Amino acid sequence: MTTFPTDLDPELVERLVESGGGELAVKMGIEFVELSADHSVATMPVEGNRQVVGLLHGGAHVVLAESLGSVSSAIHAGPGRFAVGIEINATHSRSVTSGTVTATCTALSLGGTLATHEIVVRDAEGRRLSTVRMTNMLRDRR
């Protein structure tokens, strides 16, 4: 079950619940555990997200991180606004072949037009697998 901030835009909660976080997040088995603009957590199974030699795909790390960073930025944007990713980079420092990984998203900068987050992906033993930095532009809905 996902923990949402008490003051979260009800429309965003409805979209997240109805979509499961989006089609790709659902396909990859991403589960949002805790969501806020400052600190968010999600998990993803390694199984089903591995590349040809059996390691968790580097792109899967980035999808998990971007999913979490995007939602955190959308929460920060607030009602009547949305977040659009404009930059992402990842450093992979360790591989994993099984189990579940956990991503923790921490706000680095929450402004009126940009939000930047660092997302760290760890294995079940708490070892850092990758570090991702993402910046979203915050826009008004038209």
N, C-alpha and C. Protein backbone atom coordinates (compact mmCIF):
# COMPACT_ATOMS: atom_id res chain seq x y z
N MET A 1 0.84 -1.18 0.00
CA MET A 1 0.00 0.00 0.00
C MET A 1 0.88 1.25 0.00
N THR A 2 0.54 2.19 -0.82
CA THR A 2 1.30 3.42 -0.96
C THR A 2 0.90 4.43 0.11
N THR A 3 1.91 5.08 0.70
CA THR A 3 1.66 6.17 1.63
C THR A 3 1.76 7.49 0.88
N PHE A 4 0.68 8.26 0.89
CA PHE A 4 0.62 9.56 0.22
C PHE A 4 0.67 10.67 1.26
N PRO A 5 1.20 11.85 0.89
CA PRO A 5 1.10 13.00 1.79
C PRO A 5 -0.37 13.37 2.00
N THR A 6 -0.71 13.85 3.17
CA THR A 6 -2.11 14.16 3.47
C THR A 6 -2.64 15.31 2.62
N ASP A 7 -1.76 16.22 2.18
CA ASP A 7 -2.22 17.39 1.41
C ASP A 7 -2.05 17.21 -0.10
N LEU A 8 -1.90 15.98 -0.55
CA LEU A 8 -1.68 15.71 -1.98
C LEU A 8 -2.93 16.01 -2.80
N ASP A 9 -2.71 16.58 -3.97
CA ASP A 9 -3.78 16.89 -4.92
C ASP A 9 -4.61 15.62 -5.18
N PRO A 10 -5.91 15.64 -4.86
CA PRO A 10 -6.75 14.44 -5.05
C PRO A 10 -6.74 13.93 -6.49
N GLU A 11 -6.63 14.84 -7.47
CA GLU A 11 -6.60 14.42 -8.86
C GLU A 11 -5.35 13.59 -9.16
N LEU A 12 -4.20 13.97 -8.59
CA LEU A 12 -2.97 13.21 -8.78
C LEU A 12 -3.09 11.85 -8.12
N VAL A 13 -3.65 11.79 -6.92
CA VAL A 13 -3.86 10.50 -6.24
C VAL A 13 -4.72 9.59 -7.12
N GLU A 14 -5.80 10.14 -7.65
CA GLU A 14 -6.70 9.34 -8.50
C GLU A 14 -5.96 8.80 -9.72
N ARG A 15 -5.16 9.67 -10.39
CA ARG A 15 -4.41 9.23 -11.57
C ARG A 15 -3.41 8.14 -11.19
N LEU A 16 -2.71 8.30 -10.08
CA LEU A 16 -1.72 7.30 -9.66
C LEU A 16 -2.38 5.97 -9.33
N VAL A 17 -3.48 6.03 -8.61
CA VAL A 17 -4.17 4.79 -8.22
C VAL A 17 -4.76 4.10 -9.44
N GLU A 18 -5.44 4.85 -10.31
CA GLU A 18 -6.08 4.24 -11.48
C GLU A 18 -5.07 3.65 -12.47
N SER A 19 -3.92 4.33 -12.63
CA SER A 19 -2.94 3.87 -13.62
C SER A 19 -1.89 2.94 -13.04
N GLY A 20 -1.84 2.81 -11.71
CA GLY A 20 -0.79 2.02 -11.09
C GLY A 20 0.59 2.65 -11.27
N GLY A 21 0.60 3.94 -11.55
CA GLY A 21 1.87 4.64 -11.77
C GLY A 21 2.25 4.74 -13.24
N GLY A 22 1.40 4.22 -14.12
CA GLY A 22 1.66 4.27 -15.56
C GLY A 22 1.90 2.88 -16.12
N GLU A 23 1.68 2.74 -17.41
CA GLU A 23 1.76 1.43 -18.06
C GLU A 23 3.12 0.78 -17.91
N LEU A 24 4.21 1.54 -18.09
CA LEU A 24 5.54 0.95 -18.00
C LEU A 24 5.85 0.52 -16.57
N ALA A 25 5.47 1.34 -15.60
CA ALA A 25 5.69 0.98 -14.20
C ALA A 25 4.97 -0.32 -13.86
N VAL A 26 3.76 -0.48 -14.37
CA VAL A 26 3.00 -1.70 -14.12
C VAL A 26 3.70 -2.89 -14.77
N LYS A 27 4.12 -2.76 -16.03
CA LYS A 27 4.80 -3.85 -16.74
C LYS A 27 6.07 -4.29 -16.02
N MET A 28 6.76 -3.34 -15.41
CA MET A 28 8.04 -3.64 -14.76
C MET A 28 7.88 -4.07 -13.31
N GLY A 29 6.65 -4.01 -12.79
CA GLY A 29 6.39 -4.45 -11.42
C GLY A 29 6.79 -3.43 -10.37
N ILE A 30 6.86 -2.17 -10.75
CA ILE A 30 7.23 -1.11 -9.80
C ILE A 30 6.08 -0.89 -8.83
N GLU A 31 6.41 -0.85 -7.55
CA GLU A 31 5.43 -0.57 -6.50
C GLU A 31 5.88 0.65 -5.73
N PHE A 32 5.03 1.66 -5.67
CA PHE A 32 5.32 2.87 -4.91
C PHE A 32 4.97 2.61 -3.45
N VAL A 33 5.93 2.81 -2.58
CA VAL A 33 5.75 2.53 -1.16
C VAL A 33 5.40 3.80 -0.40
N GLU A 34 6.15 4.85 -0.67
CA GLU A 34 5.98 6.13 0.03
C GLU A 34 6.22 7.24 -0.98
N LEU A 35 5.33 8.22 -1.01
CA LEU A 35 5.46 9.30 -1.99
C LEU A 35 5.33 10.66 -1.33
N SER A 36 6.27 11.54 -1.64
CA SER A 36 6.19 12.95 -1.26
C SER A 36 7.16 13.70 -2.16
N ALA A 37 7.13 15.02 -2.11
CA ALA A 37 8.05 15.81 -2.93
C ALA A 37 9.49 15.68 -2.44
N ASP A 38 9.67 15.55 -1.13
CA ASP A 38 11.01 15.51 -0.54
C ASP A 38 11.64 14.12 -0.48
N HIS A 39 10.83 13.10 -0.25
CA HIS A 39 11.36 11.75 -0.01
C HIS A 39 10.34 10.72 -0.48
N SER A 40 10.76 9.86 -1.41
CA SER A 40 9.87 8.82 -1.93
C SER A 40 10.62 7.50 -2.02
N VAL A 41 9.88 6.41 -1.97
CA VAL A 41 10.46 5.06 -2.02
C VAL A 41 9.61 4.19 -2.93
N ALA A 42 10.27 3.36 -3.75
CA ALA A 42 9.57 2.38 -4.60
C ALA A 42 10.44 1.13 -4.71
N THR A 43 9.80 0.01 -5.04
CA THR A 43 10.51 -1.25 -5.23
C THR A 43 10.21 -1.80 -6.62
N MET A 44 11.08 -2.70 -7.07
CA MET A 44 10.91 -3.34 -8.38
C MET A 44 11.59 -4.71 -8.33
N PRO A 45 10.93 -5.75 -8.89
CA PRO A 45 11.58 -7.05 -8.94
C PRO A 45 12.68 -7.07 -10.01
N VAL A 46 13.72 -7.84 -9.74
CA VAL A 46 14.77 -8.03 -10.74
C VAL A 46 14.26 -8.97 -11.83
N GLU A 47 13.57 -10.03 -11.42
CA GLU A 47 13.03 -10.99 -12.36
C GLU A 47 12.05 -10.29 -13.31
N GLY A 48 12.23 -10.54 -14.59
CA GLY A 48 11.41 -9.91 -15.60
C GLY A 48 11.99 -8.60 -16.13
N ASN A 49 13.06 -8.13 -15.50
CA ASN A 49 13.70 -6.87 -15.88
C ASN A 49 15.20 -7.03 -16.12
N ARG A 50 15.59 -8.26 -16.47
CA ARG A 50 17.02 -8.55 -16.69
C ARG A 50 17.38 -8.46 -18.17
N GLN A 51 18.66 -8.15 -18.41
CA GLN A 51 19.16 -8.15 -19.78
C GLN A 51 19.70 -9.54 -20.13
N VAL A 52 20.28 -9.69 -21.29
CA VAL A 52 20.60 -10.99 -21.87
C VAL A 52 21.56 -11.85 -21.03
N VAL A 53 22.45 -11.27 -20.25
CA VAL A 53 23.36 -12.08 -19.44
C VAL A 53 22.86 -12.27 -18.00
N GLY A 54 21.61 -11.87 -17.74
CA GLY A 54 20.99 -12.17 -16.46
C GLY A 54 21.08 -11.08 -15.40
N LEU A 55 21.66 -9.93 -15.74
CA LEU A 55 21.75 -8.81 -14.79
C LEU A 55 20.53 -7.91 -14.91
N LEU A 56 20.18 -7.24 -13.82
CA LEU A 56 19.13 -6.22 -13.92
C LEU A 56 19.56 -5.21 -14.98
N HIS A 57 18.72 -4.98 -15.94
CA HIS A 57 19.03 -4.09 -17.06
C HIS A 57 19.29 -2.67 -16.56
N GLY A 58 20.33 -2.03 -17.08
CA GLY A 58 20.63 -0.65 -16.70
C GLY A 58 19.46 0.27 -16.98
N GLY A 59 18.76 0.02 -18.07
CA GLY A 59 17.59 0.83 -18.39
C GLY A 59 16.47 0.64 -17.37
N ALA A 60 16.39 -0.54 -16.76
CA ALA A 60 15.39 -0.78 -15.73
C ALA A 60 15.68 0.08 -14.49
N HIS A 61 16.96 0.23 -14.15
CA HIS A 61 17.35 1.13 -13.05
C HIS A 61 16.80 2.53 -13.34
N VAL A 62 17.00 2.97 -14.58
CA VAL A 62 16.62 4.34 -14.95
C VAL A 62 15.10 4.48 -14.99
N VAL A 63 14.38 3.47 -15.47
CA VAL A 63 12.92 3.54 -15.48
C VAL A 63 12.39 3.65 -14.05
N LEU A 64 12.93 2.85 -13.14
CA LEU A 64 12.52 2.91 -11.73
C LEU A 64 12.79 4.30 -11.17
N ALA A 65 13.99 4.80 -11.41
CA ALA A 65 14.37 6.11 -10.88
C ALA A 65 13.52 7.22 -11.49
N GLU A 66 13.32 7.17 -12.81
CA GLU A 66 12.55 8.24 -13.46
C GLU A 66 11.09 8.20 -13.02
N SER A 67 10.55 7.02 -12.83
CA SER A 67 9.17 6.91 -12.36
C SER A 67 9.03 7.59 -10.99
N LEU A 68 9.97 7.31 -10.11
CA LEU A 68 9.92 7.87 -8.77
C LEU A 68 10.19 9.37 -8.77
N GLY A 69 11.20 9.82 -9.52
CA GLY A 69 11.51 11.24 -9.60
C GLY A 69 10.40 12.05 -10.23
N SER A 70 9.75 11.49 -11.23
CA SER A 70 8.65 12.19 -11.90
C SER A 70 7.46 12.38 -10.97
N VAL A 71 7.11 11.33 -10.24
CA VAL A 71 5.97 11.45 -9.32
C VAL A 71 6.31 12.43 -8.20
N SER A 72 7.51 12.36 -7.67
CA SER A 72 7.90 13.29 -6.61
C SER A 72 7.84 14.73 -7.10
N SER A 73 8.28 14.96 -8.34
CA SER A 73 8.22 16.31 -8.92
C SER A 73 6.78 16.75 -9.15
N ALA A 74 5.93 15.84 -9.59
CA ALA A 74 4.51 16.17 -9.80
C ALA A 74 3.84 16.54 -8.48
N ILE A 75 4.22 15.85 -7.42
CA ILE A 75 3.68 16.18 -6.10
C ILE A 75 4.11 17.60 -5.72
N HIS A 76 5.39 17.91 -5.94
CA HIS A 76 5.88 19.25 -5.64
C HIS A 76 5.19 20.31 -6.50
N ALA A 77 4.94 20.00 -7.77
CA ALA A 77 4.32 20.96 -8.68
C ALA A 77 2.97 21.44 -8.16
N GLY A 78 2.19 20.52 -7.59
CA GLY A 78 0.92 20.88 -6.99
C GLY A 78 -0.24 20.88 -7.97
N PRO A 79 -1.44 21.21 -7.46
CA PRO A 79 -2.66 21.19 -8.28
C PRO A 79 -2.55 22.13 -9.48
N GLY A 80 -3.06 21.66 -10.62
CA GLY A 80 -3.08 22.47 -11.83
C GLY A 80 -1.75 22.56 -12.54
N ARG A 81 -0.77 21.78 -12.08
CA ARG A 81 0.56 21.81 -12.69
C ARG A 81 1.01 20.37 -12.95
N PHE A 82 2.05 20.21 -13.75
CA PHE A 82 2.60 18.88 -14.02
C PHE A 82 4.12 18.99 -14.19
N ALA A 83 4.77 17.85 -14.13
CA ALA A 83 6.23 17.79 -14.24
C ALA A 83 6.61 17.11 -15.55
N VAL A 84 7.65 17.66 -16.21
CA VAL A 84 8.17 17.10 -17.45
C VAL A 84 9.67 16.90 -17.28
N GLY A 85 10.14 15.68 -17.45
CA GLY A 85 11.56 15.40 -17.33
C GLY A 85 12.36 16.10 -18.41
N ILE A 86 13.43 16.79 -18.01
CA ILE A 86 14.27 17.47 -18.99
C ILE A 86 15.72 16.98 -18.95
N GLU A 87 16.10 16.24 -17.89
CA GLU A 87 17.47 15.73 -17.83
C GLU A 87 17.51 14.56 -16.85
N ILE A 88 18.28 13.54 -17.24
CA ILE A 88 18.49 12.40 -16.35
C ILE A 88 19.86 11.81 -16.64
N ASN A 89 20.55 11.38 -15.59
CA ASN A 89 21.81 10.66 -15.79
C ASN A 89 21.92 9.59 -14.73
N ALA A 90 22.65 8.53 -15.05
CA ALA A 90 22.77 7.41 -14.13
C ALA A 90 24.20 6.88 -14.11
N THR A 91 24.63 6.52 -12.92
CA THR A 91 25.90 5.82 -12.74
C THR A 91 25.57 4.48 -12.10
N HIS A 92 25.93 3.40 -12.78
CA HIS A 92 25.71 2.05 -12.26
C HIS A 92 27.00 1.58 -11.61
N SER A 93 26.93 1.21 -10.34
CA SER A 93 28.14 0.85 -9.61
C SER A 93 28.19 -0.61 -9.17
N ARG A 94 27.09 -1.32 -9.30
CA ARG A 94 27.06 -2.73 -8.89
C ARG A 94 25.91 -3.41 -9.62
N SER A 95 26.04 -4.70 -9.87
CA SER A 95 24.97 -5.43 -10.55
C SER A 95 24.23 -6.32 -9.58
N VAL A 96 23.07 -6.78 -10.02
CA VAL A 96 22.24 -7.69 -9.24
C VAL A 96 21.55 -8.64 -10.22
N THR A 97 21.32 -9.89 -9.80
CA THR A 97 20.73 -10.88 -10.69
C THR A 97 19.38 -11.42 -10.21
N SER A 98 19.02 -11.14 -8.97
CA SER A 98 17.75 -11.66 -8.45
C SER A 98 17.26 -10.79 -7.29
N GLY A 99 16.03 -11.08 -6.88
CA GLY A 99 15.48 -10.37 -5.73
C GLY A 99 14.71 -9.12 -6.11
N THR A 100 14.67 -8.21 -5.19
CA THR A 100 13.95 -6.95 -5.35
C THR A 100 14.91 -5.81 -5.07
N VAL A 101 14.80 -4.74 -5.85
CA VAL A 101 15.60 -3.55 -5.60
C VAL A 101 14.68 -2.46 -5.05
N THR A 102 15.28 -1.57 -4.28
CA THR A 102 14.55 -0.47 -3.66
C THR A 102 15.19 0.84 -4.07
N ALA A 103 14.37 1.76 -4.54
CA ALA A 103 14.84 3.09 -4.92
C ALA A 103 14.36 4.10 -3.90
N THR A 104 15.28 4.97 -3.48
CA THR A 104 14.95 6.05 -2.56
C THR A 104 15.25 7.37 -3.25
N CYS A 105 14.25 8.22 -3.33
CA CYS A 105 14.33 9.50 -4.03
C CYS A 105 14.39 10.62 -3.01
N THR A 106 15.40 11.47 -3.14
CA THR A 106 15.58 12.59 -2.23
C THR A 106 15.66 13.88 -3.03
N ALA A 107 14.90 14.89 -2.62
CA ALA A 107 14.92 16.18 -3.31
C ALA A 107 16.27 16.86 -3.08
N LEU A 108 16.85 17.36 -4.16
CA LEU A 108 18.05 18.18 -4.08
C LEU A 108 17.68 19.66 -4.17
N SER A 109 16.69 19.98 -5.00
CA SER A 109 16.24 21.36 -5.18
C SER A 109 14.79 21.34 -5.63
N LEU A 110 13.95 22.06 -4.90
CA LEU A 110 12.53 22.15 -5.23
C LEU A 110 12.19 23.62 -5.45
N GLY A 111 12.20 24.03 -6.71
CA GLY A 111 11.91 25.42 -7.05
C GLY A 111 10.53 25.58 -7.66
N GLY A 112 10.27 26.77 -8.15
CA GLY A 112 8.99 27.05 -8.78
C GLY A 112 8.89 26.57 -10.21
N THR A 113 10.04 26.43 -10.88
CA THR A 113 10.03 25.99 -12.28
C THR A 113 10.81 24.70 -12.51
N LEU A 114 11.72 24.35 -11.59
CA LEU A 114 12.51 23.13 -11.72
C LEU A 114 12.52 22.36 -10.40
N ALA A 115 12.56 21.04 -10.51
CA ALA A 115 12.73 20.17 -9.35
C ALA A 115 13.81 19.15 -9.70
N THR A 116 14.81 19.02 -8.83
CA THR A 116 15.89 18.06 -9.06
C THR A 116 15.93 17.07 -7.91
N HIS A 117 16.01 15.79 -8.27
CA HIS A 117 16.05 14.71 -7.28
C HIS A 117 17.24 13.79 -7.53
N GLU A 118 17.72 13.19 -6.46
CA GLU A 118 18.70 12.11 -6.55
C GLU A 118 17.98 10.83 -6.14
N ILE A 119 18.12 9.81 -6.97
CA ILE A 119 17.48 8.53 -6.70
C ILE A 119 18.57 7.48 -6.59
N VAL A 120 18.61 6.79 -5.45
CA VAL A 120 19.60 5.73 -5.21
C VAL A 120 18.87 4.39 -5.23
N VAL A 121 19.37 3.47 -6.06
CA VAL A 121 18.79 2.13 -6.15
C VAL A 121 19.71 1.18 -5.40
N ARG A 122 19.11 0.39 -4.49
CA ARG A 122 19.88 -0.54 -3.65
C ARG A 122 19.30 -1.95 -3.74
N ASP A 123 20.17 -2.94 -3.49
CA ASP A 123 19.71 -4.33 -3.46
C ASP A 123 19.14 -4.64 -2.08
N ALA A 124 18.73 -5.90 -1.88
CA ALA A 124 18.10 -6.31 -0.62
C ALA A 124 19.05 -6.20 0.57
N GLU A 125 20.36 -6.24 0.31
CA GLU A 125 21.35 -6.10 1.38
C GLU A 125 21.71 -4.64 1.65
N GLY A 126 21.09 -3.72 0.92
CA GLY A 126 21.34 -2.31 1.12
C GLY A 126 22.54 -1.76 0.35
N ARG A 127 23.11 -2.57 -0.55
CA ARG A 127 24.26 -2.11 -1.33
C ARG A 127 23.80 -1.22 -2.48
N ARG A 128 24.50 -0.11 -2.68
CA ARG A 128 24.16 0.83 -3.75
C ARG A 128 24.45 0.20 -5.10
N LEU A 129 23.43 0.18 -5.95
CA LEU A 129 23.57 -0.37 -7.30
C LEU A 129 23.73 0.75 -8.33
N SER A 130 22.98 1.82 -8.15
CA SER A 130 23.06 2.94 -9.08
C SER A 130 22.64 4.24 -8.39
N THR A 131 23.13 5.31 -8.97
CA THR A 131 22.79 6.66 -8.51
C THR A 131 22.29 7.42 -9.73
N VAL A 132 21.11 7.97 -9.62
CA VAL A 132 20.47 8.67 -10.73
C VAL A 132 20.12 10.08 -10.27
N ARG A 133 20.37 11.04 -11.15
CA ARG A 133 19.96 12.43 -10.88
C ARG A 133 19.00 12.83 -11.98
N MET A 134 17.88 13.42 -11.58
CA MET A 134 16.84 13.78 -12.54
C MET A 134 16.35 15.20 -12.27
N THR A 135 16.16 15.97 -13.35
CA THR A 135 15.57 17.31 -13.25
C THR A 135 14.29 17.35 -14.07
N ASN A 136 13.24 17.86 -13.45
CA ASN A 136 11.94 18.04 -14.10
C ASN A 136 11.61 19.52 -14.18
N MET A 137 11.01 19.91 -15.30
CA MET A 137 10.48 21.26 -15.44
C MET A 137 9.02 21.19 -14.99
N LEU A 138 8.60 22.20 -14.23
CA LEU A 138 7.24 22.24 -13.70
C LEU A 138 6.44 23.22 -14.56
N ARG A 139 5.32 22.73 -15.08
CA ARG A 139 4.51 23.51 -16.02
C ARG A 139 3.07 23.63 -15.53
N ASP A 140 2.41 24.69 -15.96
CA ASP A 140 0.98 24.86 -15.70
C ASP A 140 0.20 24.08 -16.74
N ARG A 141 -0.89 23.41 -16.30
CA ARG A 141 -1.77 22.75 -17.24
C ARG A 141 -2.53 23.79 -18.02
N ARG A 142 -2.76 23.52 -19.28
CA ARG A 142 -3.51 24.45 -20.15
C ARG A 142 -4.92 24.02 -20.31
